[in-house]
Amino acid sequence: MDFLQLSHDRYSVRKFKDTPVEQEKIDKIIEAAMTAPTACNWQPFKVWVIQSPEAVAKVYETTPYTFGTKLFFVIGGDPKTAWTRKYDQKGFADVDATIVATQMMLEIHDLGLGTTWVGSFDEPKLKAAFPEMEGYELIAMFPTGYPADDAEPSKLHAVSKAKEELVAVL
């Protein structure tokens, strides 16, 4: 698919079929994460694939934005292992994890699946349920699955500020 077409077509899916996602597609989503560019290629991120019924039940306790799915990806950045810009000590864990998550989101769409970027979750509760997430800045949760037949983009999907408000040529 042409990248700009993919970028235009992808939307936040909030309604899913019950159809399970094949392991082959999960593997491709993980591969997209692993090939994402990070500062100095230090790869200070972790992706947690949440798919067992017990783990999914724990996720349901941390956010109302599950949309009925049975597969979640949680993405976090490790500030202890991320590159830091020397001029102002800006750590890039959150930036790198966001790049990874964006690349995963686009791969999810390219595979015929859907997701939405969920940032509204109880991070302390999620870390208590999954202690292996401790020490990471959790930046995204992706409920993932096959879009329902009547799933559609939100009314604001195609709305954008004017180019002049978003781009400055210097």
Protein backbone atom coordinates (compact mmCIF):
# COMPACT_ATOMS: atom_id res chain seq x y z
CA MET A 1 0.00 0.00 0.00
CA ASP A 2 1.14 3.53 -0.70
CA PHE A 3 2.24 5.12 2.60
CA LEU A 4 0.16 8.28 2.28
CA GLN A 5 -2.87 6.19 1.40
CA LEU A 6 -2.23 4.02 4.47
CA SER A 7 -1.85 7.16 6.58
CA HIS A 8 -5.14 8.61 5.30
CA ASP A 9 -7.08 5.33 5.57
CA ARG A 10 -5.99 4.34 9.08
CA TYR A 11 -8.47 5.37 11.74
CA SER A 12 -9.13 4.70 15.41
CA VAL A 13 -11.19 1.53 15.53
CA ARG A 14 -13.49 1.31 18.55
CA LYS A 15 -15.66 -1.63 17.57
CA PHE A 16 -14.35 -5.11 16.85
CA LYS A 17 -15.42 -8.57 15.70
CA ASP A 18 -14.90 -11.56 17.98
CA THR A 19 -12.54 -13.12 15.41
CA PRO A 20 -9.18 -14.00 17.02
CA VAL A 21 -6.03 -12.45 15.55
CA GLU A 22 -3.69 -15.00 14.01
CA GLN A 23 -0.23 -15.47 15.56
CA GLU A 24 1.36 -14.69 12.18
CA LYS A 25 -0.15 -11.19 12.30
CA ILE A 26 0.89 -10.69 15.92
CA ASP A 27 4.43 -11.63 14.90
CA LYS A 28 4.40 -9.06 12.09
CA ILE A 29 3.24 -6.34 14.49
CA ILE A 30 6.11 -7.23 16.82
CA GLU A 31 8.52 -7.17 13.87
CA ALA A 32 7.30 -3.65 13.04
CA ALA A 33 8.14 -2.65 16.62
CA MET A 34 11.58 -4.22 16.44
CA THR A 35 12.47 -2.41 13.22
CA ALA A 36 11.37 1.02 14.44
CA PRO A 37 14.08 3.67 14.58
CA THR A 38 15.19 4.76 18.06
CA ALA A 39 17.77 7.31 19.19
CA CYS A 40 21.24 5.81 18.56
CA ASN A 41 19.38 2.51 18.02
CA TRP A 42 19.47 1.89 21.78
CA GLN A 43 15.95 0.40 21.65
CA PRO A 44 14.88 1.37 25.19
CA PHE A 45 11.38 -0.02 24.80
CA LYS A 46 9.32 -3.05 25.67
CA VAL A 47 6.13 -4.34 24.11
CA TRP A 48 3.84 -6.54 26.16
CA VAL A 49 1.43 -8.75 24.22
CA ILE A 50 -1.61 -9.35 26.40
CA GLN A 51 -3.77 -12.20 25.14
CA SER A 52 -4.34 -14.84 27.81
CA PRO A 53 -7.84 -14.62 29.32
CA GLU A 54 -6.33 -13.95 32.76
CA ALA A 55 -4.13 -11.12 31.49
CA VAL A 56 -6.93 -9.60 29.41
CA ALA A 57 -9.18 -9.60 32.50
CA LYS A 58 -6.52 -7.62 34.36
CA VAL A 59 -6.38 -5.02 31.56
CA TYR A 60 -10.16 -4.64 31.73
CA GLU A 61 -9.68 -3.52 35.35
CA THR A 62 -7.38 -0.65 34.32
CA THR A 63 -9.34 1.14 31.57
CA PRO A 64 -12.88 1.43 30.25
CA TYR A 65 -11.44 1.68 26.70
CA THR A 66 -11.15 -2.01 25.86
CA PHE A 67 -13.80 -2.06 23.12
CA GLY A 68 -14.40 -5.75 23.81
CA THR A 69 -11.10 -6.97 22.37
CA LYS A 70 -9.13 -9.95 23.62
CA LEU A 71 -5.71 -8.74 22.39
CA PHE A 72 -3.77 -5.77 23.68
CA PHE A 73 -0.33 -4.38 23.08
CA VAL A 74 1.16 -2.19 25.80
CA ILE A 75 4.22 -0.14 24.89
CA GLY A 76 6.65 1.40 27.33
CA GLY A 77 10.01 3.15 27.34
CA ASP A 78 12.80 2.58 29.85
CA PRO A 79 14.32 5.91 30.89
CA LYS A 80 17.34 4.14 32.41
CA THR A 81 18.45 2.70 29.06
CA ALA A 82 17.44 5.50 26.69
CA TRP A 83 19.74 7.92 24.95
CA THR A 84 19.90 11.37 26.58
CA ARG A 85 20.54 14.59 24.70
CA LYS A 86 23.63 16.22 26.24
CA TYR A 87 22.52 19.83 25.75
CA ASP A 88 19.48 19.71 28.03
CA GLN A 89 19.46 16.16 29.43
CA LYS A 90 16.25 15.29 27.57
CA GLY A 91 15.80 11.52 27.77
CA PHE A 92 14.31 9.86 24.72
CA ALA A 93 12.52 6.85 26.25
CA ASP A 94 9.07 8.35 25.62
CA VAL A 95 10.02 9.54 22.13
CA ASP A 96 11.44 6.15 21.15
CA ALA A 97 8.47 4.25 22.58
CA THR A 98 6.12 6.58 20.68
CA ILE A 99 7.96 5.91 17.41
CA VAL A 100 7.67 2.16 18.07
CA ALA A 101 3.97 2.46 18.87
CA THR A 102 3.27 4.51 15.75
CA GLN A 103 5.03 1.99 13.55
CA MET A 104 3.02 -0.81 15.20
CA MET A 105 -0.23 1.09 14.68
CA LEU A 106 0.44 1.48 10.97
CA GLU A 107 1.36 -2.20 10.62
CA ILE A 108 -1.84 -3.18 12.43
CA HIS A 109 -3.85 -1.27 9.85
CA ASP A 110 -1.80 -2.61 6.94
CA LEU A 111 -2.62 -6.17 8.12
CA GLY A 112 -6.37 -5.49 7.90
CA LEU A 113 -6.73 -5.15 11.66
CA GLY A 114 -7.74 -2.15 13.70
CA THR A 115 -6.74 -0.43 16.91
CA THR A 116 -6.89 2.87 18.69
CA TRP A 117 -4.25 4.59 20.79
CA VAL A 118 -5.45 4.34 24.39
CA GLY A 119 -3.61 6.64 26.75
CA SER A 120 -6.34 6.70 29.38
CA PHE A 121 -5.47 3.79 31.65
CA ASP A 122 -4.59 3.50 35.32
CA GLU A 123 -0.82 3.09 35.04
CA PRO A 124 -0.20 2.27 38.73
CA LYS A 125 -2.95 -0.37 38.63
CA LEU A 126 -1.59 -1.80 35.36
CA LYS A 127 1.91 -2.04 36.84
CA ALA A 128 0.52 -3.68 39.97
CA ALA A 129 -1.22 -6.27 37.78
CA PHE A 130 1.91 -6.75 35.64
CA PRO A 131 5.01 -6.14 37.83
CA GLU A 132 7.27 -6.69 34.81
CA MET A 133 6.14 -3.26 33.57
CA GLU A 134 7.68 -1.50 36.57
CA GLY A 135 10.42 0.95 35.62
CA TYR A 136 8.90 1.71 32.22
CA GLU A 137 7.01 4.83 31.14
CA LEU A 138 3.86 3.29 29.67
CA ILE A 139 2.87 5.43 26.71
CA ALA A 140 0.20 3.43 24.89
CA MET A 141 -2.22 0.56 25.07
CA PHE A 142 -3.59 -0.81 21.79
CA PRO A 143 -6.79 -2.88 21.89
CA THR A 144 -6.40 -4.80 18.64
CA GLY A 145 -8.59 -6.96 16.44
CA TYR A 146 -10.63 -7.15 13.27
CA PRO A 147 -12.83 -4.09 12.82
CA ALA A 148 -16.55 -4.77 13.09
CA ASP A 149 -18.46 -4.54 9.82
CA ASP A 150 -20.07 -1.31 11.02
CA ALA A 151 -16.89 0.24 12.47
CA GLU A 152 -16.17 3.65 11.02
CA PRO A 153 -13.91 6.63 11.60
CA SER A 154 -15.02 9.28 14.05
CA LYS A 155 -16.53 12.47 12.68
CA LEU A 156 -13.28 14.29 13.44
CA HIS A 157 -11.03 11.78 11.66
CA ALA A 158 -10.50 13.83 8.51
CA VAL A 159 -10.50 17.22 10.25
CA SER A 160 -7.18 19.05 10.29
CA LYS A 161 -5.98 22.52 11.08
CA ALA A 162 -4.87 24.57 8.12
CA LYS A 163 -1.44 23.75 6.76
CA GLU A 164 -0.28 27.27 7.68
CA GLU A 165 -1.08 26.55 11.34
CA LEU A 166 0.86 23.29 11.38
CA VAL A 167 3.84 23.96 9.12
CA ALA A 168 6.35 26.79 9.10
CA VAL A 169 8.93 27.08 6.35
CA LEU A 170 11.98 28.94 7.63
